[in-house]
Amino acid sequence: VSDEMEGSNALAIAEKFYRQFSGLEEGERLRRV
C-alpha cells in the first residue's frame, strides 16, 4: 500500500460518501465524509 494508493483510496471513499450525503448542507456533508 503506497502513499499514492492510500490517498487515492481515501479520495474514492470521500467521493462516494459526498454523493450519498448530497441532501445535507455543505459543511455537514464534509463533516460526515
Full PDB file with SEQRES, HELIX, SHEET, SSBOND, CRYST1, ORIGX, SCALE, CONECT and MASTER records, all heavy atoms in Angstrom:
SEQRES   1 A   33  VAL SER ASP GLU MET GLU GLY SER ASN ALA LEU ALA ILE          
SEQRES   2 A   33  ALA GLU LYS PHE TYR ARG GLN PHE SER GLY LEU GLU GLU          
SEQRES   3 A   33  GLY GLU ARG LEU ARG ARG VAL                                  
HELIX    1 AA1 ASP A    3  GLN A   20  1                                  18    
HELIX    2 AA2 GLU A   26  ARG A   32  1                                   7    
CRYST1    1.000    1.000    1.000  90.00  90.00  90.00 P 1           1          
ORIGX1      1.000000  0.000000  0.000000        0.00000                         
ORIGX2      0.000000  1.000000  0.000000        0.00000                         
ORIGX3      0.000000  0.000000  1.000000        0.00000                         
SCALE1      1.000000  0.000000  0.000000        0.00000                         
SCALE2      0.000000  1.000000  0.000000        0.00000                         
SCALE3      0.000000  0.000000  1.000000        0.00000                         
ATOM      1  N   VAL A   1       0.850  -1.195   0.000  1.00  0.00           N  
ATOM      2  CA  VAL A   1       0.000   0.000   0.000  1.00  0.00           C  
ATOM      3  C   VAL A   1       0.884   1.243   0.000  1.00  0.00           C  
ATOM      4  O   VAL A   1       1.403   1.663   1.022  1.00  0.00           O  
ATOM      5  CB  VAL A   1      -0.931   0.024   1.228  1.00  0.00           C  
ATOM      6  CG1 VAL A   1      -1.901   1.202   1.135  1.00  0.00           C  
ATOM      7  CG2 VAL A   1      -1.682  -1.282   1.376  1.00  0.00           C  
ATOM      8  N   SER A   2       1.045   1.836  -1.172  1.00  0.00           N  
ATOM      9  CA  SER A   2       1.864   3.048  -1.302  1.00  0.00           C  
ATOM     10  C   SER A   2       1.096   4.252  -0.757  1.00  0.00           C  
ATOM     11  O   SER A   2      -0.125   4.198  -0.561  1.00  0.00           O  
ATOM     12  CB  SER A   2       2.213   3.287  -2.768  1.00  0.00           C  
ATOM     13  OG  SER A   2       1.036   3.602  -3.492  1.00  0.00           O  
ATOM     14  N   ASP A   3       1.817   5.335  -0.550  1.00  0.00           N  
ATOM     15  CA  ASP A   3       1.171   6.577  -0.121  1.00  0.00           C  
ATOM     16  C   ASP A   3       0.160   7.045  -1.162  1.00  0.00           C  
ATOM     17  O   ASP A   3      -0.912   7.535  -0.817  1.00  0.00           O  
ATOM     18  CB  ASP A   3       2.208   7.671   0.120  1.00  0.00           C  
ATOM     19  CG  ASP A   3       3.060   7.416   1.352  1.00  0.00           C  
ATOM     20  OD1 ASP A   3       2.661   6.599   2.209  1.00  0.00           O  
ATOM     21  OD2 ASP A   3       4.136   8.039   1.458  1.00  0.00           O  
ATOM     22  N   GLU A   4       0.515   6.859  -2.430  1.00  0.00           N  
ATOM     23  CA  GLU A   4      -0.397   7.258  -3.505  1.00  0.00           C  
ATOM     24  C   GLU A   4      -1.682   6.430  -3.460  1.00  0.00           C  
ATOM     25  O   GLU A   4      -2.783   6.966  -3.639  1.00  0.00           O  
ATOM     26  CB  GLU A   4       0.271   7.100  -4.875  1.00  0.00           C  
ATOM     27  CG  GLU A   4       1.438   8.040  -5.109  1.00  0.00           C  
ATOM     28  CD  GLU A   4       2.736   7.584  -4.437  1.00  0.00           C  
ATOM     29  OE1 GLU A   4       2.920   6.369  -4.213  1.00  0.00           O  
ATOM     30  OE2 GLU A   4       3.561   8.454  -4.116  1.00  0.00           O  
ATOM     31  N   MET A   5      -1.528   5.118  -3.228  1.00  0.00           N  
ATOM     32  CA  MET A   5      -2.705   4.248  -3.151  1.00  0.00           C  
ATOM     33  C   MET A   5      -3.566   4.633  -1.953  1.00  0.00           C  
ATOM     34  O   MET A   5      -4.798   4.677  -2.055  1.00  0.00           O  
ATOM     35  CB  MET A   5      -2.288   2.783  -3.037  1.00  0.00           C  
ATOM     36  CG  MET A   5      -3.453   1.808  -3.015  1.00  0.00           C  
ATOM     37  SD  MET A   5      -2.943   0.097  -2.760  1.00  0.00           S  
ATOM     38  CE  MET A   5      -2.195  -0.254  -4.336  1.00  0.00           C  
ATOM     39  N   GLU A   6      -2.932   4.926  -0.843  1.00  0.00           N  
ATOM     40  CA  GLU A   6      -3.660   5.341   0.365  1.00  0.00           C  
ATOM     41  C   GLU A   6      -4.468   6.608   0.079  1.00  0.00           C  
ATOM     42  O   GLU A   6      -5.653   6.694   0.396  1.00  0.00           O  
ATOM     43  CB  GLU A   6      -2.658   5.572   1.506  1.00  0.00           C  
ATOM     44  CG  GLU A   6      -3.288   5.971   2.804  1.00  0.00           C  
ATOM     45  CD  GLU A   6      -3.560   4.829   3.745  1.00  0.00           C  
ATOM     46  OE1 GLU A   6      -3.634   3.670   3.301  1.00  0.00           O  
ATOM     47  OE2 GLU A   6      -3.738   5.092   4.934  1.00  0.00           O  
ATOM     48  N   GLY A   7      -3.839   7.589  -0.562  1.00  0.00           N  
ATOM     49  CA  GLY A   7      -4.529   8.834  -0.897  1.00  0.00           C  
ATOM     50  C   GLY A   7      -5.644   8.629  -1.907  1.00  0.00           C  
ATOM     51  O   GLY A   7      -6.729   9.202  -1.780  1.00  0.00           O  
ATOM     52  N   SER A   8      -5.385   7.799  -2.897  1.00  0.00           N  
ATOM     53  CA  SER A   8      -6.380   7.503  -3.929  1.00  0.00           C  
ATOM     54  C   SER A   8      -7.602   6.797  -3.327  1.00  0.00           C  
ATOM     55  O   SER A   8      -8.743   7.119  -3.663  1.00  0.00           O  
ATOM     56  CB  SER A   8      -5.735   6.642  -5.017  1.00  0.00           C  
ATOM     57  OG  SER A   8      -6.678   6.235  -5.959  1.00  0.00           O  
ATOM     58  N   ASN A   9      -7.345   5.845  -2.440  1.00  0.00           N  
ATOM     59  CA  ASN A   9      -8.450   5.139  -1.782  1.00  0.00           C  
ATOM     60  C   ASN A   9      -9.263   6.091  -0.906  1.00  0.00           C  
ATOM     61  O   ASN A   9     -10.498   6.023  -0.901  1.00  0.00           O  
ATOM     62  CB  ASN A   9      -7.926   3.975  -0.943  1.00  0.00           C  
ATOM     63  CG  ASN A   9      -7.446   2.818  -1.777  1.00  0.00           C  
ATOM     64  OD1 ASN A   9      -7.784   2.693  -2.951  1.00  0.00           O  
ATOM     65  ND2 ASN A   9      -6.647   1.953  -1.183  1.00  0.00           N  
ATOM     66  N   ALA A  10      -8.574   6.963  -0.196  1.00  0.00           N  
ATOM     67  CA  ALA A  10      -9.280   7.932   0.657  1.00  0.00           C  
ATOM     68  C   ALA A  10     -10.157   8.850  -0.193  1.00  0.00           C  
ATOM     69  O   ALA A  10     -11.304   9.130   0.170  1.00  0.00           O  
ATOM     70  CB  ALA A  10      -8.273   8.745   1.470  1.00  0.00           C  
ATOM     71  N   LEU A  11      -9.634   9.287  -1.326  1.00  0.00           N  
ATOM     72  CA  LEU A  11     -10.418  10.161  -2.206  1.00  0.00           C  
ATOM     73  C   LEU A  11     -11.631   9.422  -2.774  1.00  0.00           C  
ATOM     74  O   LEU A  11     -12.725   9.982  -2.833  1.00  0.00           O  
ATOM     75  CB  LEU A  11      -9.550  10.714  -3.338  1.00  0.00           C  
ATOM     76  CG  LEU A  11     -10.269  11.628  -4.331  1.00  0.00           C  
ATOM     77  CD1 LEU A  11     -10.929  12.810  -3.622  1.00  0.00           C  
ATOM     78  CD2 LEU A  11      -9.298  12.105  -5.402  1.00  0.00           C  
ATOM     79  N   ALA A  12     -11.441   8.172  -3.172  1.00  0.00           N  
ATOM     80  CA  ALA A  12     -12.564   7.386  -3.706  1.00  0.00           C  
ATOM     81  C   ALA A  12     -13.670   7.237  -2.659  1.00  0.00           C  
ATOM     82  O   ALA A  12     -14.858   7.372  -2.972  1.00  0.00           O  
ATOM     83  CB  ALA A  12     -12.078   6.014  -4.167  1.00  0.00           C  
ATOM     84  N   ILE A  13     -13.285   6.995  -1.437  1.00  0.00           N  
ATOM     85  CA  ILE A  13     -14.269   6.885  -0.343  1.00  0.00           C  
ATOM     86  C   ILE A  13     -14.935   8.234  -0.106  1.00  0.00           C  
ATOM     87  O   ILE A  13     -16.154   8.314   0.062  1.00  0.00           O  
ATOM     88  CB  ILE A  13     -13.581   6.375   0.942  1.00  0.00           C  
ATOM     89  CG1 ILE A  13     -13.113   4.932   0.744  1.00  0.00           C  
ATOM     90  CG2 ILE A  13     -14.516   6.464   2.140  1.00  0.00           C  
ATOM     91  CD1 ILE A  13     -12.139   4.451   1.797  1.00  0.00           C  
ATOM     92  N   ALA A  14     -14.139   9.295  -0.108  1.00  0.00           N  
ATOM     93  CA  ALA A  14     -14.686  10.645   0.094  1.00  0.00           C  
ATOM     94  C   ALA A  14     -15.714  10.968  -0.983  1.00  0.00           C  
ATOM     95  O   ALA A  14     -16.797  11.487  -0.680  1.00  0.00           O  
ATOM     96  CB  ALA A  14     -13.553  11.678   0.096  1.00  0.00           C  
ATOM     97  N   GLU A  15     -15.400  10.666  -2.239  1.00  0.00           N  
ATOM     98  CA  GLU A  15     -16.337  10.938  -3.339  1.00  0.00           C  
ATOM     99  C   GLU A  15     -17.630  10.155  -3.156  1.00  0.00           C  
ATOM    100  O   GLU A  15     -18.731  10.684  -3.351  1.00  0.00           O  
ATOM    101  CB  GLU A  15     -15.694  10.588  -4.675  1.00  0.00           C  
ATOM    102  CG  GLU A  15     -14.594  11.535  -5.082  1.00  0.00           C  
ATOM    103  CD  GLU A  15     -13.865  11.074  -6.338  1.00  0.00           C  
ATOM    104  OE1 GLU A  15     -13.806   9.853  -6.612  1.00  0.00           O  
ATOM    105  OE2 GLU A  15     -13.332  11.945  -7.038  1.00  0.00           O  
ATOM    106  N   LYS A  16     -17.500   8.892  -2.779  1.00  0.00           N  
ATOM    107  CA  LYS A  16     -18.681   8.038  -2.592  1.00  0.00           C  
ATOM    108  C   LYS A  16     -19.614   8.629  -1.534  1.00  0.00           C  
ATOM    109  O   LYS A  16     -20.816   8.793  -1.763  1.00  0.00           O  
ATOM    110  CB  LYS A  16     -18.245   6.636  -2.177  1.00  0.00           C  
ATOM    111  CG  LYS A  16     -19.379   5.730  -1.760  1.00  0.00           C  
ATOM    112  CD  LYS A  16     -18.854   4.425  -1.199  1.00  0.00           C  
ATOM    113  CE  LYS A  16     -19.971   3.630  -0.577  1.00  0.00           C  
ATOM    114  NZ  LYS A  16     -19.504   2.433   0.093  1.00  0.00           N  
ATOM    115  N   PHE A  17     -19.057   8.963  -0.386  1.00  0.00           N  
ATOM    116  CA  PHE A  17     -19.902   9.465   0.688  1.00  0.00           C  
ATOM    117  C   PHE A  17     -20.363  10.898   0.441  1.00  0.00           C  
ATOM    118  O   PHE A  17     -21.457  11.274   0.859  1.00  0.00           O  
ATOM    119  CB  PHE A  17     -19.202   9.318   2.044  1.00  0.00           C  
ATOM    120  CG  PHE A  17     -19.167   7.879   2.493  1.00  0.00           C  
ATOM    121  CD1 PHE A  17     -17.975   7.195   2.555  1.00  0.00           C  
ATOM    122  CD2 PHE A  17     -20.336   7.205   2.813  1.00  0.00           C  
ATOM    123  CE1 PHE A  17     -17.932   5.870   2.952  1.00  0.00           C  
ATOM    124  CE2 PHE A  17     -20.317   5.875   3.205  1.00  0.00           C  
ATOM    125  CZ  PHE A  17     -19.118   5.206   3.272  1.00  0.00           C  
ATOM    126  N   TYR A  18     -19.588  11.667  -0.270  1.00  0.00           N  
ATOM    127  CA  TYR A  18     -20.008  13.018  -0.624  1.00  0.00           C  
ATOM    128  C   TYR A  18     -21.289  12.942  -1.467  1.00  0.00           C  
ATOM    129  O   TYR A  18     -22.223  13.711  -1.251  1.00  0.00           O  
ATOM    130  CB  TYR A  18     -18.882  13.743  -1.373  1.00  0.00           C  
ATOM    131  CG  TYR A  18     -19.163  15.197  -1.607  1.00  0.00           C  
ATOM    132  CD1 TYR A  18     -18.968  16.136  -0.591  1.00  0.00           C  
ATOM    133  CD2 TYR A  18     -19.619  15.649  -2.846  1.00  0.00           C  
ATOM    134  CE1 TYR A  18     -19.222  17.483  -0.806  1.00  0.00           C  
ATOM    135  CE2 TYR A  18     -19.872  16.989  -3.060  1.00  0.00           C  
ATOM    136  CZ  TYR A  18     -19.679  17.899  -2.044  1.00  0.00           C  
ATOM    137  OH  TYR A  18     -19.941  19.227  -2.258  1.00  0.00           O  
ATOM    138  N   ARG A  19     -21.313  11.997  -2.412  1.00  0.00           N  
ATOM    139  CA  ARG A  19     -22.531  11.802  -3.226  1.00  0.00           C  
ATOM    140  C   ARG A  19     -23.697  11.333  -2.359  1.00  0.00           C  
ATOM    141  O   ARG A  19     -24.825  11.782  -2.515  1.00  0.00           O  
ATOM    142  CB  ARG A  19     -22.273  10.786  -4.342  1.00  0.00           C  
ATOM    143  CG  ARG A  19     -21.474  11.318  -5.496  1.00  0.00           C  
ATOM    144  CD  ARG A  19     -21.428  10.348  -6.668  1.00  0.00           C  
ATOM    145  NE  ARG A  19     -20.990   8.997  -6.326  1.00  0.00           N  
ATOM    146  CZ  ARG A  19     -19.715   8.599  -6.267  1.00  0.00           C  
ATOM    147  NH1 ARG A  19     -18.741   9.450  -6.527  1.00  0.00           N  
ATOM    148  NH2 ARG A  19     -19.420   7.356  -5.966  1.00  0.00           N  
ATOM    149  N   GLN A  20     -23.427  10.405  -1.438  1.00  0.00           N  
ATOM    150  CA  GLN A  20     -24.501   9.874  -0.581  1.00  0.00           C  
ATOM    151  C   GLN A  20     -25.104  10.936   0.323  1.00  0.00           C  
ATOM    152  O   GLN A  20     -26.286  10.868   0.653  1.00  0.00           O  
ATOM    153  CB  GLN A  20     -23.980   8.717   0.274  1.00  0.00           C  
ATOM    154  CG  GLN A  20     -23.812   7.436  -0.481  1.00  0.00           C  
ATOM    155  CD  GLN A  20     -23.421   6.280   0.422  1.00  0.00           C  
ATOM    156  OE1 GLN A  20     -23.245   6.432   1.617  1.00  0.00           O  
ATOM    157  NE2 GLN A  20     -23.279   5.113  -0.176  1.00  0.00           N  
ATOM    158  N   PHE A  21     -24.310  11.899   0.726  1.00  0.00           N  
ATOM    159  CA  PHE A  21     -24.798  12.941   1.631  1.00  0.00           C  
ATOM    160  C   PHE A  21     -25.227  14.198   0.883  1.00  0.00           C  
ATOM    161  O   PHE A  21     -25.218  15.303   1.434  1.00  0.00           O  
ATOM    162  CB  PHE A  21     -23.718  13.289   2.668  1.00  0.00           C  
ATOM    163  CG  PHE A  21     -23.327  12.138   3.552  1.00  0.00           C  
ATOM    164  CD1 PHE A  21     -21.993  11.860   3.795  1.00  0.00           C  
ATOM    165  CD2 PHE A  21     -24.277  11.319   4.137  1.00  0.00           C  
ATOM    166  CE1 PHE A  21     -21.615  10.805   4.613  1.00  0.00           C  
ATOM    167  CE2 PHE A  21     -23.921  10.263   4.954  1.00  0.00           C  
ATOM    168  CZ  PHE A  21     -22.590   9.998   5.196  1.00  0.00           C  
ATOM    169  N   SER A  22     -25.643  14.051  -0.356  1.00  0.00           N  
ATOM    170  CA  SER A  22     -25.967  15.203  -1.200  1.00  0.00           C  
ATOM    171  C   SER A  22     -27.119  16.047  -0.655  1.00  0.00           C  
ATOM    172  O   SER A  22     -27.223  17.225  -0.972  1.00  0.00           O  
ATOM    173  CB  SER A  22     -26.286  14.747  -2.623  1.00  0.00           C  
ATOM    174  OG  SER A  22     -27.443  13.935  -2.628  1.00  0.00           O  
ATOM    175  N   GLY A  23     -27.975  15.480   0.167  1.00  0.00           N  
ATOM    176  CA  GLY A  23     -29.113  16.231   0.692  1.00  0.00           C  
ATOM    177  C   GLY A  23     -28.771  17.123   1.869  1.00  0.00           C  
ATOM    178  O   GLY A  23     -29.627  17.868   2.355  1.00  0.00           O  
ATOM    179  N   LEU A  24     -27.537  17.082   2.332  1.00  0.00           N  
ATOM    180  CA  LEU A  24     -27.139  17.860   3.501  1.00  0.00           C  
ATOM    181  C   LEU A  24     -26.500  19.192   3.115  1.00  0.00           C  
ATOM    182  O   LEU A  24     -25.996  19.345   2.010  1.00  0.00           O  
ATOM    183  CB  LEU A  24     -26.139  17.058   4.344  1.00  0.00           C  
ATOM    184  CG  LEU A  24     -26.631  15.722   4.892  1.00  0.00           C  
ATOM    185  CD1 LEU A  24     -25.492  14.984   5.565  1.00  0.00           C  
ATOM    186  CD2 LEU A  24     -27.783  15.934   5.862  1.00  0.00           C  
ATOM    187  N   GLU A  25     -26.491  20.104   4.067  1.00  0.00           N  
ATOM    188  CA  GLU A  25     -25.798  21.373   3.903  1.00  0.00           C  
ATOM    189  C   GLU A  25     -24.301  21.069   3.760  1.00  0.00           C  
ATOM    190  O   GLU A  25     -23.796  20.110   4.318  1.00  0.00           O  
ATOM    191  CB  GLU A  25     -26.106  22.233   5.143  1.00  0.00           C  
ATOM    192  CG  GLU A  25     -25.470  23.566   5.211  1.00  0.00           C  
ATOM    193  CD  GLU A  25     -24.119  23.529   5.923  1.00  0.00           C  
ATOM    194  OE1 GLU A  25     -23.910  22.774   6.888  1.00  0.00           O  
ATOM    195  OE2 GLU A  25     -23.255  24.288   5.466  1.00  0.00           O  
ATOM    196  N   GLU A  26     -23.590  21.889   2.983  1.00  0.00           N  
ATOM    197  CA  GLU A  26     -22.196  21.604   2.601  1.00  0.00           C  
ATOM    198  C   GLU A  26     -21.275  21.324   3.782  1.00  0.00           C  
ATOM    199  O   GLU A  26     -20.497  20.374   3.754  1.00  0.00           O  
ATOM    200  CB  GLU A  26     -21.638  22.752   1.746  1.00  0.00           C  
ATOM    201  CG  GLU A  26     -20.276  22.480   1.171  1.00  0.00           C  
ATOM    202  CD  GLU A  26     -20.238  21.340   0.145  1.00  0.00           C  
ATOM    203  OE1 GLU A  26     -21.299  20.903  -0.337  1.00  0.00           O  
ATOM    204  OE2 GLU A  26     -19.125  20.890  -0.174  1.00  0.00           O  
ATOM    205  N   GLY A  27     -21.345  22.131   4.831  1.00  0.00           N  
ATOM    206  CA  GLY A  27     -20.481  21.932   5.995  1.00  0.00           C  
ATOM    207  C   GLY A  27     -20.718  20.584   6.666  1.00  0.00           C  
ATOM    208  O   GLY A  27     -19.780  19.872   7.015  1.00  0.00           O  
ATOM    209  N   GLU A  28     -21.993  20.249   6.844  1.00  0.00           N  
ATOM    210  CA  GLU A  28     -22.353  18.965   7.458  1.00  0.00           C  
ATOM    211  C   GLU A  28     -21.971  17.803   6.543  1.00  0.00           C  
ATOM    212  O   GLU A  28     -21.499  16.755   6.992  1.00  0.00           O  
ATOM    213  CB  GLU A  28     -23.856  18.923   7.761  1.00  0.00           C  
ATOM    214  CG  GLU A  28     -24.342  17.621   8.370  1.00  0.00           C  
ATOM    215  CD  GLU A  28     -23.745  17.300   9.744  1.00  0.00           C  
ATOM    216  OE1 GLU A  28     -23.147  18.193  10.387  1.00  0.00           O  
ATOM    217  OE2 GLU A  28     -23.881  16.137  10.170  1.00  0.00           O  
ATOM    218  N   ARG A  29     -22.135  18.004   5.265  1.00  0.00           N  
ATOM    219  CA  ARG A  29     -21.779  16.980   4.273  1.00  0.00           C  
ATOM    220  C   ARG A  29     -20.286  16.644   4.371  1.00  0.00           C  
ATOM    221  O   ARG A  29     -19.914  15.475   4.434  1.00  0.00           O  
ATOM    222  CB  ARG A  29     -22.132  17.531   2.884  1.00  0.00           C  
ATOM    223  CG  ARG A  29     -22.095  16.575   1.764  1.00  0.00           C  
ATOM    224  CD  ARG A  29     -22.543  17.307   0.497  1.00  0.00           C  
ATOM    225  NE  ARG A  29     -22.678  16.407  -0.610  1.00  0.00           N  
ATOM    226  CZ  ARG A  29     -22.909  16.794  -1.851  1.00  0.00           C  
ATOM    227  NH1 ARG A  29     -23.049  18.076  -2.133  1.00  0.00           N  
ATOM    228  NH2 ARG A  29     -23.012  15.913  -2.824  1.00  0.00           N  
ATOM    229  N   LEU A  30     -19.442  17.643   4.400  1.00  0.00           N  
ATOM    230  CA  LEU A  30     -17.998  17.433   4.502  1.00  0.00           C  
ATOM    231  C   LEU A  30     -17.608  16.838   5.850  1.00  0.00           C  
ATOM    232  O   LEU A  30     -16.729  15.985   5.929  1.00  0.00           O  
ATOM    233  CB  LEU A  30     -17.247  18.738   4.259  1.00  0.00           C  
ATOM    234  CG  LEU A  30     -17.313  19.275   2.829  1.00  0.00           C  
ATOM    235  CD1 LEU A  30     -16.666  20.648   2.744  1.00  0.00           C  
ATOM    236  CD2 LEU A  30     -16.659  18.307   1.852  1.00  0.00           C  
ATOM    237  N   ARG A  31     -18.282  17.263   6.910  1.00  0.00           N  
ATOM    238  CA  ARG A  31     -18.004  16.715   8.243  1.00  0.00           C  
ATOM    239  C   ARG A  31     -18.282  15.215   8.276  1.00  0.00           C  
ATOM    240  O   ARG A  31     -17.505  14.436   8.807  1.00  0.00           O  
ATOM    241  CB  ARG A  31     -18.845  17.433   9.302  1.00  0.00           C  
ATOM    242  CG  ARG A  31     -18.477  17.061  10.737  1.00  0.00           C  
ATOM    243  CD  ARG A  31     -19.415  17.693  11.749  1.00  0.00           C  
ATOM    244  NE  ARG A  31     -20.716  17.055  11.786  1.00  0.00           N  
ATOM    245  CZ  ARG A  31     -20.960  15.875  12.373  1.00  0.00           C  
ATOM    246  NH1 ARG A  31     -20.000  15.209  12.942  1.00  0.00           N  
ATOM    247  NH2 ARG A  31     -22.187  15.374  12.379  1.00  0.00           N  
ATOM    248  N   ARG A  32     -19.367  14.811   7.658  1.00  0.00           N  
ATOM    249  CA  ARG A  32     -19.712  13.382   7.644  1.00  0.00           C  
ATOM    250  C   ARG A  32     -18.741  12.569   6.782  1.00  0.00           C  
ATOM    251  O   ARG A  32     -18.434  11.431   7.095  1.00  0.00           O  
ATOM    252  CB  ARG A  32     -21.149  13.194   7.176  1.00  0.00           C  
ATOM    253  CG  ARG A  32     -22.126  13.676   8.216  1.00  0.00           C  
ATOM    254  CD  ARG A  32     -23.439  13.023   8.073  1.00  0.00           C  
ATOM    255  NE  ARG A  32     -24.417  13.596   8.969  1.00  0.00           N  
ATOM    256  CZ  ARG A  32     -25.671  13.216   8.997  1.00  0.00           C  
ATOM    257  NH1 ARG A  32     -26.108  12.288   8.179  1.00  0.00           N  
ATOM    258  NH2 ARG A  32     -26.506  13.769   9.858  1.00  0.00           N  
ATOM    259  N   VAL A  33     -18.298  13.167   5.696  1.00  0.00           N  
ATOM    260  CA  VAL A  33     -17.291  12.500   4.861  1.00  0.00           C  
ATOM    261  C   VAL A  33     -16.024  12.286   5.682  1.00  0.00           C  
ATOM    262  O   VAL A  33     -15.435  11.207   5.680  1.00  0.00           O  
ATOM    263  CB  VAL A  33     -17.002  13.310   3.577  1.00  0.00           C  
ATOM    264  CG1 VAL A  33     -15.781  12.766   2.852  1.00  0.00           C  
ATOM    265  CG2 VAL A  33     -18.222  13.312   2.656  1.00  0.00           C  
TER     266      VAL A  33                                                      
MASTER        0    0    0    2    0    0    0    6  265    1    0    3          
END                                                                             
